[in-house]
């Protein structure tokens, strides 16, 4: 096991009601700093947490905010769970592309690319991504949990931009994104169980494997796109609505102090 893989394992959250949850704490910046532990967490939809899960997040972690990136209809249909009702701040900020629903609720082509979908998020949801980052810049909202349905795509793009803004190394951003691959089968099972309860499930074909993929090269291409086409995550975020003082506040709040 590599050091990066060990770091990912160490950041997994001890929760039974989700299958793709981890802490951003410990990820490294280009200047040698690290993301603070238990400041920003990421996960799939926390709608099935048990009492022990809730106690861990609310008492042990001191969670104050949940940023839900699902569509409002998803949040209504699938619910936001007891966690969303227990934190001081719950915000439903929809990240979407050309289609307004997540892939497992729509008819999808037999071939495709998560990279293409991520470019749609950048094009169609810049203001919403900026809103999520601005919320995370407020220390009163921390610790915070960012989630969508699977905690992979919408969450993955928002977290990647956040990490890029505060200077986290590209290799660590990529490794954090790709960590979802360890949870792919659990996510697939959860989605299939959810789909089986929906009225249109019998009319919807089996989902192609690329819908569940979390390949390192996908995030590598996204980071390259941000650099080549937009001048990097910091400049993309500035144009989207996260100004420089707010970006600096994110850095100061989320990173451990620099050693002299």
Protein backbone atom coordinates (compact mmCIF):
# COMPACT_ATOMS: atom_id res chain seq x y z
CA UNK A 1 0.00 0.00 0.00
CA UNK A 2 1.38 3.41 -0.98
CA UNK A 3 1.58 6.38 1.37
CA UNK A 4 -1.26 8.05 -0.55
CA UNK A 5 -3.45 4.95 -0.19
CA UNK A 6 -2.67 4.74 3.52
CA UNK A 7 -3.58 8.42 3.92
CA UNK A 8 -6.92 7.81 2.22
CA UNK A 9 -7.66 4.82 4.46
CA UNK A 10 -6.77 6.83 7.55
CA UNK A 11 -9.27 9.52 6.51
CA UNK A 12 -12.26 7.19 6.12
CA UNK A 13 -15.07 8.04 8.52
CA UNK A 14 -16.35 5.31 10.89
CA UNK A 15 -19.95 5.51 9.70
CA UNK A 16 -22.28 2.60 8.93
CA UNK A 17 -25.07 4.51 7.21
CA UNK A 18 -22.97 5.76 4.30
CA UNK A 19 -20.43 3.98 2.12
CA UNK A 20 -18.25 6.74 0.67
CA UNK A 21 -17.36 9.09 3.52
CA UNK A 22 -14.00 10.62 4.39
CA UNK A 23 -12.27 13.57 5.99
CA UNK A 24 -10.21 16.00 3.90
CA UNK A 25 -7.85 16.38 6.85
CA UNK A 26 -4.24 15.48 6.15
CA UNK A 27 -4.15 16.32 2.44
CA UNK A 28 -0.94 18.18 1.60
CA UNK A 29 -0.33 21.53 -0.05
CA UNK A 30 2.47 22.48 -2.39
CA UNK A 31 4.16 24.45 0.41
CA UNK A 32 4.11 21.55 2.85
CA UNK A 33 1.05 22.42 4.93
CA UNK A 34 -1.86 20.07 5.58
CA UNK A 35 -5.62 20.38 5.63
CA UNK A 36 -6.95 20.49 9.18
CA UNK A 37 -8.72 17.37 10.39
CA UNK A 38 -12.49 17.44 10.85
CA UNK A 39 -13.02 20.76 9.12
CA UNK A 40 -14.60 19.53 5.87
CA UNK A 41 -16.00 16.03 5.40
CA UNK A 42 -17.39 14.50 2.21
CA UNK A 43 -19.82 11.64 1.69
CA UNK A 44 -22.65 10.06 -0.21
CA UNK A 45 -26.18 10.95 0.89
CA UNK A 46 -26.38 10.64 4.71
CA UNK A 47 -30.00 9.53 4.72
CA UNK A 48 -29.54 6.19 6.50
CA UNK A 49 -27.35 7.13 9.47
CA UNK A 50 -27.95 5.28 12.72
CA UNK A 51 -27.75 6.75 16.21
CA UNK A 52 -24.05 5.96 16.53
CA UNK A 53 -23.34 7.69 13.22
CA UNK A 54 -25.25 10.77 14.30
CA UNK A 55 -23.46 10.86 17.63
CA UNK A 56 -20.08 10.64 15.92
CA UNK A 57 -20.84 13.49 13.52
CA UNK A 58 -22.70 15.79 15.89
CA UNK A 59 -20.81 15.18 19.14
CA UNK A 60 -17.38 13.84 18.24
CA UNK A 61 -16.91 15.96 15.12
CA UNK A 62 -19.09 18.88 16.23
CA UNK A 63 -20.68 19.10 12.78
CA UNK A 64 -22.40 22.44 12.20
CA UNK A 65 -23.36 22.46 8.52
CA UNK A 66 -24.53 20.12 5.77
CA UNK A 67 -24.14 21.24 2.15
CA UNK A 68 -26.38 19.04 0.02
CA UNK A 69 -25.52 19.22 -3.68
CA UNK A 70 -28.47 17.14 -4.88
CA UNK A 71 -31.39 18.48 -6.88
CA UNK A 72 -34.26 19.77 -4.73
CA UNK A 73 -36.44 16.95 -6.09
CA UNK A 74 -33.82 14.39 -5.00
CA UNK A 75 -33.68 15.87 -1.52
CA UNK A 76 -37.45 15.73 -1.33
CA UNK A 77 -37.84 12.21 -2.74
CA UNK A 78 -34.88 10.56 -1.03
CA UNK A 79 -35.02 12.74 2.07
CA UNK A 80 -32.27 14.63 3.82
CA UNK A 81 -32.17 12.37 6.86
CA UNK A 82 -31.95 13.10 10.55
CA UNK A 83 -28.55 14.78 10.12
CA UNK A 84 -29.95 17.57 7.98
CA UNK A 85 -32.54 18.26 10.65
CA UNK A 86 -29.94 18.26 13.45
CA UNK A 87 -27.30 20.75 12.31
CA UNK A 88 -27.59 24.55 12.66
CA UNK A 89 -27.06 25.03 8.93
CA UNK A 90 -28.50 22.89 6.13
CA UNK A 91 -28.23 24.19 2.57
CA UNK A 92 -29.45 22.48 -0.57
CA UNK A 93 -27.24 23.85 -3.38
CA UNK A 94 -27.89 22.00 -6.62
CA UNK A 95 -24.89 21.24 -8.84
CA UNK A 96 -26.08 20.24 -12.30
CA UNK A 97 -25.08 19.94 -15.91
CA UNK A 98 -27.18 19.88 -19.05
CA UNK A 99 -29.60 17.51 -17.34
CA UNK A 100 -30.94 18.52 -13.96
CA UNK A 101 -30.94 15.05 -12.38
CA UNK A 102 -28.21 12.67 -11.30
CA UNK A 103 -27.25 10.01 -13.78
CA UNK A 104 -28.91 7.11 -12.01
CA UNK A 105 -32.29 8.83 -12.34
CA UNK A 106 -32.03 9.34 -16.09
CA UNK A 107 -31.65 7.39 -19.28
CA UNK A 108 -27.91 7.32 -19.96
CA UNK A 109 -25.99 6.37 -23.06
CA UNK A 110 -24.03 3.13 -23.25
CA UNK A 111 -20.83 5.11 -23.47
CA UNK A 112 -19.85 8.40 -21.95
CA UNK A 113 -17.38 10.24 -19.80
CA UNK A 114 -17.51 11.60 -16.28
CA UNK A 115 -15.05 14.25 -17.47
CA UNK A 116 -17.67 15.54 -19.93
CA UNK A 117 -20.22 15.66 -17.13
CA UNK A 118 -17.80 17.59 -14.91
CA UNK A 119 -17.27 20.19 -17.62
CA UNK A 120 -21.04 20.64 -17.66
CA UNK A 121 -20.98 21.34 -13.91
CA UNK A 122 -18.40 24.07 -14.48
CA UNK A 123 -20.48 25.58 -17.29
CA UNK A 124 -23.95 25.36 -15.77
CA UNK A 125 -23.35 25.66 -12.01
CA UNK A 126 -20.50 28.14 -11.38
CA UNK A 127 -22.59 30.32 -9.07
CA UNK A 128 -23.77 27.32 -7.07
CA UNK A 129 -20.24 25.98 -6.70
CA UNK A 130 -19.15 29.43 -5.54
CA UNK A 131 -22.01 29.52 -3.04
CA UNK A 132 -20.83 26.25 -1.52
CA UNK A 133 -17.25 27.52 -1.22
CA UNK A 134 -18.37 30.80 0.29
CA UNK A 135 -20.31 28.88 2.94
CA UNK A 136 -17.22 26.84 3.77
CA UNK A 137 -15.19 30.03 4.17
CA UNK A 138 -17.33 31.02 7.16
CA UNK A 139 -15.79 29.46 10.27
CA UNK A 140 -19.22 29.47 11.93
CA UNK A 141 -20.27 26.81 9.40
CA UNK A 142 -17.43 24.45 10.26
CA UNK A 143 -17.07 21.54 10.59
CA UNK A 144 -19.18 20.90 7.49
CA UNK A 145 -20.24 17.87 5.48
CA UNK A 146 -20.49 18.18 1.68
CA UNK A 147 -22.47 15.46 -0.06
CA UNK A 148 -24.54 14.55 -3.10
CA UNK A 149 -26.07 11.12 -3.86
CA UNK A 150 -22.91 9.04 -4.30
CA UNK A 151 -20.39 11.55 -2.98
CA UNK A 152 -18.39 11.14 -6.16
CA UNK A 153 -19.28 13.50 -9.02
CA UNK A 154 -20.97 16.69 -7.85
CA UNK A 155 -19.17 16.40 -4.53
CA UNK A 156 -15.96 15.47 -6.33
CA UNK A 157 -15.95 18.61 -8.48
CA UNK A 158 -16.80 20.98 -5.61
CA UNK A 159 -14.16 19.40 -3.36
CA UNK A 160 -11.54 19.46 -6.12
CA UNK A 161 -12.05 23.18 -6.68
CA UNK A 162 -12.02 23.84 -2.94
CA UNK A 163 -8.76 21.94 -2.54
CA UNK A 164 -7.25 23.66 -5.56
CA UNK A 165 -8.15 27.09 -4.17
CA UNK A 166 -6.35 26.40 -0.87
CA UNK A 167 -3.29 25.05 -2.62
CA UNK A 168 -3.56 21.29 -2.11
CA UNK A 169 -1.20 19.32 -4.34
CA UNK A 170 -2.69 17.98 -7.56
CA UNK A 171 -1.58 14.46 -6.65
CA UNK A 172 -3.52 14.63 -3.37
CA UNK A 173 -6.64 16.03 -5.07
CA UNK A 174 -6.49 13.18 -7.57
CA UNK A 175 -5.92 10.56 -4.86
CA UNK A 176 -8.82 11.88 -2.80
CA UNK A 177 -11.15 11.71 -5.81
CA UNK A 178 -9.96 8.23 -6.79
CA UNK A 179 -10.49 6.93 -3.24
CA UNK A 180 -14.15 6.44 -4.21
CA UNK A 181 -13.04 3.47 -6.34
CA UNK A 182 -12.68 1.41 -3.15
CA UNK A 183 -16.38 1.98 -2.49
CA UNK A 184 -17.73 1.48 -6.00
CA UNK A 185 -19.47 -1.85 -5.40
CA UNK A 186 -21.16 -0.57 -2.25
CA UNK A 187 -22.33 2.52 -4.14
CA UNK A 188 -23.62 0.43 -7.03
CA UNK A 189 -25.60 -1.75 -4.62
CA UNK A 190 -27.05 1.28 -2.87
CA UNK A 191 -28.10 2.90 -6.17
CA UNK A 192 -29.67 -0.31 -7.46
CA UNK A 193 -31.64 -0.74 -4.26
CA UNK A 194 -32.82 2.85 -4.49
CA UNK A 195 -33.80 2.49 -8.14
CA UNK A 196 -35.76 -0.70 -7.43
CA UNK A 197 -38.19 1.31 -5.32
CA UNK A 198 -38.90 3.87 -8.06
CA UNK A 199 -41.88 3.54 -10.37
CA UNK A 200 -39.81 3.91 -13.53
CA UNK A 201 -37.14 1.39 -12.50
CA UNK A 202 -38.39 -1.35 -14.81
CA UNK A 203 -38.18 1.04 -17.79
CA UNK A 204 -34.65 2.19 -17.03
CA UNK A 205 -31.76 0.10 -18.42
CA UNK A 206 -28.86 -1.09 -16.30
CA UNK A 207 -26.39 1.67 -15.63
CA UNK A 208 -23.12 1.51 -17.58
CA UNK A 209 -19.91 1.07 -15.63
CA UNK A 210 -18.61 4.57 -16.46
CA UNK A 211 -21.36 6.09 -14.29
CA UNK A 212 -19.66 4.60 -11.23
CA UNK A 213 -16.06 5.20 -12.31
CA UNK A 214 -13.65 7.33 -10.29
CA UNK A 215 -10.55 7.08 -12.43
CA UNK A 216 -7.51 9.19 -11.46
CA UNK A 217 -7.14 10.32 -15.07
CA UNK A 218 -10.63 11.88 -14.99
CA UNK A 219 -9.64 14.24 -12.19
CA UNK A 220 -6.23 14.79 -13.75
CA UNK A 221 -7.95 15.97 -16.94
CA UNK A 222 -10.29 18.23 -14.98
CA UNK A 223 -7.41 19.92 -13.16
CA UNK A 224 -5.56 20.34 -16.46
CA UNK A 225 -8.69 21.88 -18.00
CA UNK A 226 -9.00 24.33 -15.12
CA UNK A 227 -5.38 25.35 -15.58
CA UNK A 228 -5.33 25.60 -19.36
CA UNK A 229 -8.77 27.10 -19.95
CA UNK A 230 -9.32 29.15 -16.79
CA UNK A 231 -5.93 29.92 -15.27
CA UNK A 232 -6.33 27.38 -12.46
CA UNK A 233 -8.90 26.67 -9.74
CA UNK A 234 -8.30 29.96 -7.94
CA UNK A 235 -9.03 32.03 -11.03
CA UNK A 236 -12.03 29.90 -11.99
CA UNK A 237 -13.42 30.33 -8.47
CA UNK A 238 -12.81 34.09 -8.54
CA UNK A 239 -14.75 34.47 -11.76
CA UNK A 240 -17.51 32.23 -10.36
CA UNK A 241 -17.96 34.44 -7.30
CA UNK A 242 -15.36 33.53 -4.67
CA UNK A 243 -13.28 36.67 -4.28
CA UNK A 244 -9.62 36.76 -3.28
CA UNK A 245 -10.21 37.70 0.39
CA UNK A 246 -12.63 34.79 0.71
CA UNK A 247 -10.13 32.44 -0.92
CA UNK A 248 -7.49 33.58 1.55
CA UNK A 249 -9.94 33.04 4.39
CA UNK A 250 -10.55 29.50 3.15
CA UNK A 251 -6.82 28.90 3.17
CA UNK A 252 -6.33 30.32 6.64
CA UNK A 253 -9.32 28.44 8.05
CA UNK A 254 -8.80 25.04 6.49
CA UNK A 255 -5.03 24.67 6.58
CA UNK A 256 -2.80 24.03 9.55
CA UNK A 257 -0.47 26.95 10.34
CA UNK A 258 2.77 27.08 8.37
CA UNK A 259 5.83 26.05 10.36
CA UNK A 260 8.47 28.76 10.73
